[in-house]
Amino acid sequence: MTFPLACPPHTTDEAKAAHIAAHLTGERFDAYLADPARDLYLAEVDPSTGSGRRGEAVGYTMLVAGDPTDPDVAAALTTWPTAELSKCYVLPGHHGAGIASGLMAATLEAARGRGAAAVWLGVNEENERAQAFYRKHGFVVVGRKRFLVGKAYEDDFVMERVF
């Protein structure tokens, strides 16, 4: 599971497990896949060669079309219509191989195809690696929001990329 990689060190295992149980189960992904406002992209590699062929899932992204429901996000954004990059994860053994960049390109193209003029995301304020990746892909910090993990709130930056 990739979600714990995005959490700051102080996030408890219980909080991570509660978040995963509420939002990242097979049933939740079935619902995400059935939702016409969502696009999911999966990166797979051939386990015998490590190449980008069908086989082992090593990363994914999820795009959510439409206006944000979080008032802090809505107040921070500069450009409309927008879409959210809700999830962007790659397994650690595949970091630096261009997989995340490929997923990002597909996701941004899908946002443009849905008519979005910008894409936004939330990223933990302590997750400097992810922030650097998003900056590399044209995102800038435009505000802050809170993100519930288990029963505890975390502080996130709101980042936006305008096309």
N, C-alpha and C. Protein backbone atom coordinates (compact mmCIF):
# COMPACT_ATOMS: atom_id res chain seq x y z
N MET A 1 0.85 -1.18 0.00
CA MET A 1 0.00 0.00 0.00
C MET A 1 0.90 1.24 0.00
N THR A 2 0.55 2.20 -0.80
CA THR A 2 1.38 3.38 -0.98
C THR A 2 0.97 4.57 -0.11
N PHE A 3 -0.25 4.60 0.40
CA PHE A 3 -0.72 5.76 1.15
C PHE A 3 0.21 6.14 2.31
N PRO A 4 0.70 5.19 3.12
CA PRO A 4 1.56 5.57 4.24
C PRO A 4 2.81 6.35 3.83
N LEU A 5 3.25 6.20 2.58
CA LEU A 5 4.43 6.93 2.11
C LEU A 5 4.21 8.44 2.13
N ALA A 6 2.95 8.87 2.00
CA ALA A 6 2.64 10.30 1.94
C ALA A 6 2.44 10.92 3.31
N CYS A 7 2.41 10.09 4.34
CA CYS A 7 2.10 10.59 5.68
C CYS A 7 3.36 11.06 6.40
N PRO A 8 3.23 12.10 7.22
CA PRO A 8 4.37 12.53 8.01
C PRO A 8 4.69 11.51 9.11
N PRO A 9 5.89 11.57 9.65
CA PRO A 9 6.31 10.56 10.64
C PRO A 9 5.41 10.46 11.87
N HIS A 10 4.76 11.55 12.25
CA HIS A 10 3.94 11.51 13.46
C HIS A 10 2.57 10.86 13.26
N THR A 11 2.19 10.55 12.03
CA THR A 11 0.91 9.90 11.78
C THR A 11 0.97 8.48 12.32
N THR A 12 0.01 8.13 13.16
CA THR A 12 0.04 6.81 13.79
C THR A 12 -0.37 5.72 12.80
N ASP A 13 0.09 4.51 13.09
CA ASP A 13 -0.30 3.36 12.27
C ASP A 13 -1.81 3.18 12.30
N GLU A 14 -2.43 3.45 13.45
CA GLU A 14 -3.88 3.32 13.58
C GLU A 14 -4.59 4.31 12.66
N ALA A 15 -4.11 5.55 12.60
CA ALA A 15 -4.72 6.56 11.74
C ALA A 15 -4.58 6.18 10.27
N LYS A 16 -3.40 5.70 9.90
CA LYS A 16 -3.20 5.26 8.51
C LYS A 16 -4.13 4.11 8.16
N ALA A 17 -4.24 3.14 9.07
CA ALA A 17 -5.10 1.98 8.83
C ALA A 17 -6.57 2.40 8.71
N ALA A 18 -7.00 3.35 9.54
CA ALA A 18 -8.39 3.82 9.47
C ALA A 18 -8.66 4.51 8.14
N HIS A 19 -7.70 5.31 7.67
CA HIS A 19 -7.87 6.00 6.38
C HIS A 19 -7.94 4.98 5.24
N ILE A 20 -7.06 4.02 5.27
CA ILE A 20 -7.05 3.00 4.22
C ILE A 20 -8.37 2.23 4.23
N ALA A 21 -8.86 1.85 5.40
CA ALA A 21 -10.11 1.10 5.51
C ALA A 21 -11.30 1.91 5.01
N ALA A 22 -11.24 3.22 5.18
CA ALA A 22 -12.37 4.07 4.78
C ALA A 22 -12.32 4.47 3.31
N HIS A 23 -11.12 4.59 2.73
CA HIS A 23 -11.01 5.20 1.40
C HIS A 23 -10.26 4.40 0.35
N LEU A 24 -9.55 3.35 0.74
CA LEU A 24 -8.65 2.69 -0.21
C LEU A 24 -8.85 1.18 -0.28
N THR A 25 -10.08 0.73 -0.09
CA THR A 25 -10.38 -0.69 -0.19
C THR A 25 -10.73 -1.04 -1.63
N GLY A 26 -10.80 -2.31 -1.90
CA GLY A 26 -11.23 -2.76 -3.23
C GLY A 26 -12.63 -2.25 -3.56
N GLU A 27 -13.51 -2.26 -2.57
CA GLU A 27 -14.87 -1.78 -2.80
C GLU A 27 -14.88 -0.29 -3.14
N ARG A 28 -14.05 0.50 -2.46
CA ARG A 28 -13.98 1.93 -2.74
C ARG A 28 -13.45 2.15 -4.15
N PHE A 29 -12.45 1.37 -4.56
CA PHE A 29 -11.92 1.53 -5.92
C PHE A 29 -12.93 1.09 -6.96
N ASP A 30 -13.74 0.09 -6.65
CA ASP A 30 -14.83 -0.27 -7.57
C ASP A 30 -15.76 0.92 -7.76
N ALA A 31 -16.08 1.62 -6.66
CA ALA A 31 -16.95 2.80 -6.74
C ALA A 31 -16.26 3.93 -7.50
N TYR A 32 -14.96 4.13 -7.26
CA TYR A 32 -14.23 5.16 -7.99
C TYR A 32 -14.27 4.87 -9.50
N LEU A 33 -14.05 3.61 -9.86
CA LEU A 33 -14.04 3.24 -11.27
C LEU A 33 -15.41 3.43 -11.92
N ALA A 34 -16.46 3.26 -11.15
CA ALA A 34 -17.82 3.41 -11.69
C ALA A 34 -18.27 4.87 -11.74
N ASP A 35 -17.55 5.76 -11.11
CA ASP A 35 -17.92 7.18 -11.04
C ASP A 35 -17.49 7.89 -12.32
N PRO A 36 -18.43 8.43 -13.10
CA PRO A 36 -18.06 9.08 -14.37
C PRO A 36 -17.24 10.36 -14.18
N ALA A 37 -17.16 10.89 -12.98
CA ALA A 37 -16.36 12.10 -12.74
C ALA A 37 -14.90 11.77 -12.43
N ARG A 38 -14.57 10.48 -12.38
CA ARG A 38 -13.21 10.08 -12.00
C ARG A 38 -12.52 9.32 -13.13
N ASP A 39 -11.23 9.59 -13.28
CA ASP A 39 -10.37 8.85 -14.19
C ASP A 39 -9.23 8.26 -13.36
N LEU A 40 -9.02 6.97 -13.47
CA LEU A 40 -7.91 6.31 -12.78
C LEU A 40 -6.91 5.79 -13.79
N TYR A 41 -5.64 5.96 -13.48
CA TYR A 41 -4.56 5.51 -14.35
C TYR A 41 -3.65 4.61 -13.54
N LEU A 42 -3.32 3.46 -14.11
CA LEU A 42 -2.51 2.46 -13.44
C LEU A 42 -1.22 2.24 -14.22
N ALA A 43 -0.10 2.25 -13.53
CA ALA A 43 1.19 1.92 -14.15
C ALA A 43 1.54 0.49 -13.77
N GLU A 44 1.85 -0.29 -14.79
CA GLU A 44 2.23 -1.67 -14.58
C GLU A 44 3.60 -1.93 -15.20
N VAL A 45 4.33 -2.85 -14.63
CA VAL A 45 5.59 -3.29 -15.22
C VAL A 45 5.59 -4.81 -15.31
N ASP A 46 6.33 -5.31 -16.26
CA ASP A 46 6.52 -6.74 -16.39
C ASP A 46 7.48 -7.14 -15.27
N PRO A 47 7.04 -7.98 -14.34
CA PRO A 47 7.90 -8.32 -13.21
C PRO A 47 9.21 -8.99 -13.60
N SER A 48 9.26 -9.64 -14.75
CA SER A 48 10.50 -10.32 -15.14
C SER A 48 11.52 -9.36 -15.76
N THR A 49 11.04 -8.25 -16.33
CA THR A 49 11.97 -7.34 -16.99
C THR A 49 11.99 -5.94 -16.39
N GLY A 50 10.94 -5.59 -15.62
CA GLY A 50 10.85 -4.24 -15.07
C GLY A 50 10.37 -3.23 -16.09
N SER A 51 10.02 -3.69 -17.30
CA SER A 51 9.59 -2.77 -18.34
C SER A 51 8.11 -2.45 -18.18
N GLY A 52 7.66 -1.44 -18.89
CA GLY A 52 6.30 -0.96 -18.78
C GLY A 52 5.28 -1.83 -19.50
N ARG A 53 5.29 -3.09 -19.26
CA ARG A 53 4.29 -3.99 -19.85
C ARG A 53 3.32 -4.40 -18.76
N ARG A 54 2.23 -5.04 -19.19
CA ARG A 54 1.22 -5.49 -18.21
C ARG A 54 1.83 -6.50 -17.25
N GLY A 55 1.44 -6.36 -16.02
CA GLY A 55 1.92 -7.30 -15.01
C GLY A 55 1.72 -6.74 -13.63
N GLU A 56 2.79 -6.37 -13.00
CA GLU A 56 2.76 -5.89 -11.63
C GLU A 56 2.37 -4.41 -11.58
N ALA A 57 1.34 -4.09 -10.79
CA ALA A 57 0.93 -2.69 -10.59
C ALA A 57 1.94 -2.01 -9.67
N VAL A 58 2.47 -0.87 -10.13
CA VAL A 58 3.50 -0.18 -9.35
C VAL A 58 3.14 1.27 -9.03
N GLY A 59 2.04 1.77 -9.57
CA GLY A 59 1.64 3.14 -9.27
C GLY A 59 0.30 3.46 -9.87
N TYR A 60 -0.30 4.55 -9.38
CA TYR A 60 -1.58 4.99 -9.93
C TYR A 60 -1.84 6.45 -9.61
N THR A 61 -2.73 7.03 -10.39
CA THR A 61 -3.25 8.36 -10.13
C THR A 61 -4.77 8.32 -10.26
N MET A 62 -5.42 9.31 -9.63
CA MET A 62 -6.85 9.46 -9.79
C MET A 62 -7.18 10.93 -9.95
N LEU A 63 -7.90 11.23 -11.02
CA LEU A 63 -8.37 12.58 -11.33
C LEU A 63 -9.85 12.66 -10.99
N VAL A 64 -10.25 13.75 -10.33
CA VAL A 64 -11.66 13.97 -10.01
C VAL A 64 -12.08 15.28 -10.68
N ALA A 65 -12.98 15.20 -11.65
CA ALA A 65 -13.45 16.38 -12.36
C ALA A 65 -14.48 17.11 -11.51
N GLY A 66 -14.51 18.42 -11.64
CA GLY A 66 -15.54 19.20 -10.96
C GLY A 66 -14.97 20.11 -9.90
N ASP A 67 -15.84 20.97 -9.41
CA ASP A 67 -15.45 21.95 -8.41
C ASP A 67 -15.17 21.28 -7.06
N PRO A 68 -14.20 21.79 -6.31
CA PRO A 68 -13.91 21.22 -4.99
C PRO A 68 -15.05 21.52 -4.01
N THR A 69 -15.26 20.61 -3.07
CA THR A 69 -16.27 20.82 -2.04
C THR A 69 -15.68 21.43 -0.77
N ASP A 70 -14.37 21.38 -0.62
CA ASP A 70 -13.70 21.94 0.55
C ASP A 70 -13.61 23.46 0.39
N PRO A 71 -14.19 24.24 1.32
CA PRO A 71 -14.17 25.70 1.17
C PRO A 71 -12.77 26.30 1.19
N ASP A 72 -11.83 25.69 1.92
CA ASP A 72 -10.46 26.21 1.93
C ASP A 72 -9.81 26.05 0.56
N VAL A 73 -10.07 24.93 -0.09
CA VAL A 73 -9.54 24.69 -1.43
C VAL A 73 -10.17 25.68 -2.41
N ALA A 74 -11.49 25.80 -2.37
CA ALA A 74 -12.19 26.70 -3.29
C ALA A 74 -11.70 28.13 -3.15
N ALA A 75 -11.41 28.56 -1.93
CA ALA A 75 -10.93 29.93 -1.71
C ALA A 75 -9.50 30.12 -2.21
N ALA A 76 -8.71 29.04 -2.25
CA ALA A 76 -7.30 29.14 -2.64
C ALA A 76 -7.09 29.12 -4.15
N LEU A 77 -7.95 28.43 -4.88
CA LEU A 77 -7.72 28.23 -6.31
C LEU A 77 -7.85 29.54 -7.08
N THR A 78 -7.09 29.62 -8.18
CA THR A 78 -7.06 30.84 -8.98
C THR A 78 -7.74 30.69 -10.33
N THR A 79 -7.97 29.45 -10.76
CA THR A 79 -8.44 29.23 -12.13
C THR A 79 -9.54 28.17 -12.16
N TRP A 80 -10.55 28.46 -12.98
CA TRP A 80 -11.69 27.55 -13.13
C TRP A 80 -11.98 27.37 -14.60
N PRO A 81 -12.57 26.31 -15.07
CA PRO A 81 -12.91 25.10 -14.34
C PRO A 81 -11.66 24.33 -13.94
N THR A 82 -11.82 23.49 -12.93
CA THR A 82 -10.69 22.78 -12.36
C THR A 82 -11.00 21.31 -12.17
N ALA A 83 -9.97 20.54 -11.89
CA ALA A 83 -10.09 19.13 -11.53
C ALA A 83 -9.05 18.85 -10.45
N GLU A 84 -9.31 17.82 -9.66
CA GLU A 84 -8.40 17.46 -8.58
C GLU A 84 -7.56 16.25 -8.95
N LEU A 85 -6.26 16.36 -8.72
CA LEU A 85 -5.39 15.18 -8.74
C LEU A 85 -5.49 14.61 -7.33
N SER A 86 -6.36 13.62 -7.16
CA SER A 86 -6.71 13.12 -5.83
C SER A 86 -5.67 12.14 -5.30
N LYS A 87 -5.07 11.38 -6.17
CA LYS A 87 -4.10 10.38 -5.73
C LYS A 87 -2.98 10.30 -6.77
N CYS A 88 -1.76 10.16 -6.25
CA CYS A 88 -0.59 10.01 -7.12
C CYS A 88 0.46 9.24 -6.33
N TYR A 89 0.54 7.95 -6.59
CA TYR A 89 1.44 7.10 -5.81
C TYR A 89 2.21 6.15 -6.70
N VAL A 90 3.47 5.92 -6.34
CA VAL A 90 4.32 4.92 -6.99
C VAL A 90 5.06 4.17 -5.89
N LEU A 91 5.14 2.86 -6.02
CA LEU A 91 5.85 2.06 -5.02
C LEU A 91 7.31 2.47 -4.95
N PRO A 92 7.90 2.45 -3.74
CA PRO A 92 9.27 2.95 -3.55
C PRO A 92 10.31 2.32 -4.46
N GLY A 93 10.22 1.04 -4.75
CA GLY A 93 11.21 0.39 -5.59
C GLY A 93 11.20 0.87 -7.03
N HIS A 94 10.22 1.72 -7.36
CA HIS A 94 10.10 2.23 -8.73
C HIS A 94 10.23 3.74 -8.81
N HIS A 95 10.58 4.38 -7.68
CA HIS A 95 10.81 5.83 -7.71
C HIS A 95 12.01 6.12 -8.60
N GLY A 96 11.94 7.23 -9.32
CA GLY A 96 13.05 7.66 -10.16
C GLY A 96 13.10 6.99 -11.52
N ALA A 97 12.11 6.16 -11.83
CA ALA A 97 12.12 5.44 -13.11
C ALA A 97 11.23 6.10 -14.16
N GLY A 98 10.66 7.26 -13.83
CA GLY A 98 9.80 7.96 -14.79
C GLY A 98 8.35 7.53 -14.75
N ILE A 99 8.02 6.61 -13.88
CA ILE A 99 6.64 6.11 -13.81
C ILE A 99 5.70 7.20 -13.35
N ALA A 100 6.05 7.91 -12.29
CA ALA A 100 5.18 8.98 -11.79
C ALA A 100 5.01 10.08 -12.84
N SER A 101 6.06 10.40 -13.56
CA SER A 101 5.95 11.43 -14.60
C SER A 101 5.01 10.98 -15.72
N GLY A 102 5.07 9.71 -16.08
CA GLY A 102 4.15 9.19 -17.09
C GLY A 102 2.71 9.23 -16.62
N LEU A 103 2.49 8.84 -15.37
CA LEU A 103 1.14 8.92 -14.80
C LEU A 103 0.66 10.37 -14.77
N MET A 104 1.55 11.27 -14.38
CA MET A 104 1.18 12.69 -14.31
C MET A 104 0.78 13.20 -15.69
N ALA A 105 1.55 12.87 -16.70
CA ALA A 105 1.25 13.33 -18.07
C ALA A 105 -0.13 12.84 -18.51
N ALA A 106 -0.43 11.57 -18.26
CA ALA A 106 -1.73 11.01 -18.65
C ALA A 106 -2.86 11.70 -17.89
N THR A 107 -2.64 11.97 -16.62
CA THR A 107 -3.67 12.58 -15.79
C THR A 107 -3.92 14.03 -16.20
N LEU A 108 -2.87 14.78 -16.47
CA LEU A 108 -3.04 16.17 -16.91
C LEU A 108 -3.72 16.22 -18.26
N GLU A 109 -3.38 15.30 -19.15
CA GLU A 109 -4.03 15.26 -20.45
C GLU A 109 -5.52 14.96 -20.29
N ALA A 110 -5.86 14.06 -19.38
CA ALA A 110 -7.27 13.76 -19.13
C ALA A 110 -8.01 14.97 -18.59
N ALA A 111 -7.36 15.74 -17.72
CA ALA A 111 -7.99 16.95 -17.18
C ALA A 111 -8.27 17.94 -18.30
N ARG A 112 -7.30 18.13 -19.18
CA ARG A 112 -7.52 19.02 -20.33
C ARG A 112 -8.66 18.50 -21.19
N GLY A 113 -8.70 17.20 -21.39
CA GLY A 113 -9.75 16.58 -22.19
C GLY A 113 -11.14 16.76 -21.58
N ARG A 114 -11.19 16.92 -20.28
CA ARG A 114 -12.46 17.15 -19.60
C ARG A 114 -12.79 18.65 -19.54
N GLY A 115 -11.93 19.47 -20.12
CA GLY A 115 -12.20 20.90 -20.18
C GLY A 115 -11.67 21.70 -19.00
N ALA A 116 -10.85 21.10 -18.17
CA ALA A 116 -10.28 21.83 -17.03
C ALA A 116 -9.24 22.83 -17.51
N ALA A 117 -9.23 24.00 -16.88
CA ALA A 117 -8.21 25.01 -17.15
C ALA A 117 -7.06 24.93 -16.15
N ALA A 118 -7.26 24.10 -15.11
CA ALA A 118 -6.26 23.92 -14.07
C ALA A 118 -6.51 22.61 -13.35
N VAL A 119 -5.49 22.14 -12.64
CA VAL A 119 -5.59 20.96 -11.79
C VAL A 119 -5.04 21.36 -10.42
N TRP A 120 -5.70 20.89 -9.37
CA TRP A 120 -5.22 21.16 -8.01
C TRP A 120 -5.01 19.84 -7.27
N LEU A 121 -4.25 19.92 -6.19
CA LEU A 121 -4.01 18.76 -5.33
C LEU A 121 -3.71 19.24 -3.92
N GLY A 122 -3.83 18.32 -2.99
CA GLY A 122 -3.40 18.56 -1.62
C GLY A 122 -2.21 17.68 -1.32
N VAL A 123 -1.21 18.25 -0.66
CA VAL A 123 -0.01 17.49 -0.31
C VAL A 123 0.42 17.90 1.09
N ASN A 124 0.77 16.92 1.91
CA ASN A 124 1.16 17.22 3.28
C ASN A 124 2.30 18.22 3.32
N GLU A 125 2.20 19.17 4.23
CA GLU A 125 3.23 20.22 4.32
C GLU A 125 4.61 19.67 4.65
N GLU A 126 4.69 18.46 5.20
CA GLU A 126 5.98 17.87 5.54
C GLU A 126 6.53 16.95 4.44
N ASN A 127 5.75 16.72 3.40
CA ASN A 127 6.16 15.79 2.34
C ASN A 127 6.94 16.56 1.26
N GLU A 128 8.19 16.85 1.56
CA GLU A 128 9.01 17.66 0.65
C GLU A 128 9.31 16.95 -0.66
N ARG A 129 9.44 15.63 -0.63
CA ARG A 129 9.72 14.89 -1.87
C ARG A 129 8.57 15.06 -2.86
N ALA A 130 7.35 14.87 -2.37
CA ALA A 130 6.18 15.02 -3.25
C ALA A 130 6.06 16.46 -3.73
N GLN A 131 6.28 17.41 -2.85
CA GLN A 131 6.18 18.82 -3.25
C GLN A 131 7.16 19.13 -4.37
N ALA A 132 8.37 18.61 -4.26
CA ALA A 132 9.37 18.85 -5.31
C ALA A 132 8.92 18.23 -6.63
N PHE A 133 8.35 17.03 -6.58
CA PHE A 133 7.83 16.39 -7.78
C PHE A 133 6.73 17.23 -8.42
N TYR A 134 5.81 17.72 -7.61
CA TYR A 134 4.71 18.52 -8.15
C TYR A 134 5.21 19.85 -8.72
N ARG A 135 6.17 20.48 -8.05
CA ARG A 135 6.75 21.72 -8.60
C ARG A 135 7.40 21.46 -9.95
N LYS A 136 8.09 20.33 -10.08
CA LYS A 136 8.73 19.95 -11.33
C LYS A 136 7.70 19.85 -12.46
N HIS A 137 6.46 19.55 -12.10
CA HIS A 137 5.39 19.39 -13.09
C HIS A 137 4.47 20.61 -13.16
N GLY A 138 4.98 21.76 -12.67
CA GLY A 138 4.28 23.01 -12.88
C GLY A 138 3.30 23.43 -11.81
N PHE A 139 3.22 22.71 -10.70
CA PHE A 139 2.31 23.08 -9.63
C PHE A 139 2.97 24.11 -8.71
N VAL A 140 2.15 25.02 -8.19
CA VAL A 140 2.61 26.01 -7.21
C VAL A 140 1.66 26.01 -6.02
N VAL A 141 2.18 26.36 -4.86
CA VAL A 141 1.35 26.44 -3.65
C VAL A 141 0.47 27.67 -3.76
N VAL A 142 -0.84 27.47 -3.55
CA VAL A 142 -1.80 28.58 -3.60
C VAL A 142 -2.58 28.72 -2.30
N GLY A 143 -2.41 27.79 -1.36
CA GLY A 143 -3.15 27.87 -0.11
C GLY A 143 -2.89 26.66 0.77
N ARG A 144 -3.75 26.54 1.79
CA ARG A 144 -3.64 25.43 2.75
C ARG A 144 -5.02 24.84 3.01
N LYS A 145 -5.02 23.58 3.44
CA LYS A 145 -6.25 22.91 3.84
C LYS A 145 -5.91 21.87 4.89
N ARG A 146 -6.94 21.33 5.52
CA ARG A 146 -6.76 20.25 6.49
C ARG A 146 -7.21 18.95 5.84
N PHE A 147 -6.57 17.85 6.22
CA PHE A 147 -6.85 16.55 5.65
C PHE A 147 -7.00 15.55 6.79
N LEU A 148 -8.14 14.88 6.87
CA LEU A 148 -8.43 13.95 7.95
C LEU A 148 -7.81 12.58 7.65
N VAL A 149 -6.97 12.12 8.57
CA VAL A 149 -6.38 10.78 8.50
C VAL A 149 -6.75 10.08 9.80
N GLY A 150 -7.64 9.11 9.70
CA GLY A 150 -8.17 8.50 10.92
C GLY A 150 -9.01 9.53 11.65
N LYS A 151 -8.62 9.85 12.88
CA LYS A 151 -9.33 10.85 13.67
C LYS A 151 -8.52 12.13 13.84
N ALA A 152 -7.39 12.21 13.16
CA ALA A 152 -6.49 13.37 13.31
C ALA A 152 -6.41 14.15 12.00
N TYR A 153 -6.38 15.46 12.14
CA TYR A 153 -6.21 16.31 10.96
C TYR A 153 -4.73 16.57 10.71
N GLU A 154 -4.37 16.54 9.43
CA GLU A 154 -3.03 16.90 8.98
C GLU A 154 -3.13 18.20 8.20
N ASP A 155 -2.02 18.92 8.12
CA ASP A 155 -1.98 20.18 7.38
C ASP A 155 -1.40 19.93 5.99
N ASP A 156 -2.14 20.34 4.98
CA ASP A 156 -1.74 20.16 3.59
C ASP A 156 -1.59 21.51 2.91
N PHE A 157 -0.66 21.56 1.97
CA PHE A 157 -0.64 22.66 1.01
C PHE A 157 -1.64 22.34 -0.09
N VAL A 158 -2.28 23.37 -0.62
CA VAL A 158 -3.05 23.25 -1.85
C VAL A 158 -2.13 23.73 -2.95
N MET A 159 -1.90 22.89 -3.94
CA MET A 159 -1.06 23.25 -5.07
C MET A 159 -1.93 23.23 -6.33
N GLU A 160 -1.61 24.13 -7.27
CA GLU A 160 -2.40 24.25 -8.48
C GLU A 160 -1.48 24.38 -9.68
N ARG A 161 -1.91 23.77 -10.77
CA ARG A 161 -1.23 23.93 -12.05
C ARG A 161 -2.24 24.46 -13.05
N VAL A 162 -1.93 25.60 -13.62
CA VAL A 162 -2.80 26.23 -14.61
C VAL A 162 -2.27 25.85 -15.99
N PHE A 163 -3.16 25.49 -16.91
CA PHE A 163 -2.75 25.13 -18.27
C PHE A 163 -2.58 26.36 -19.12
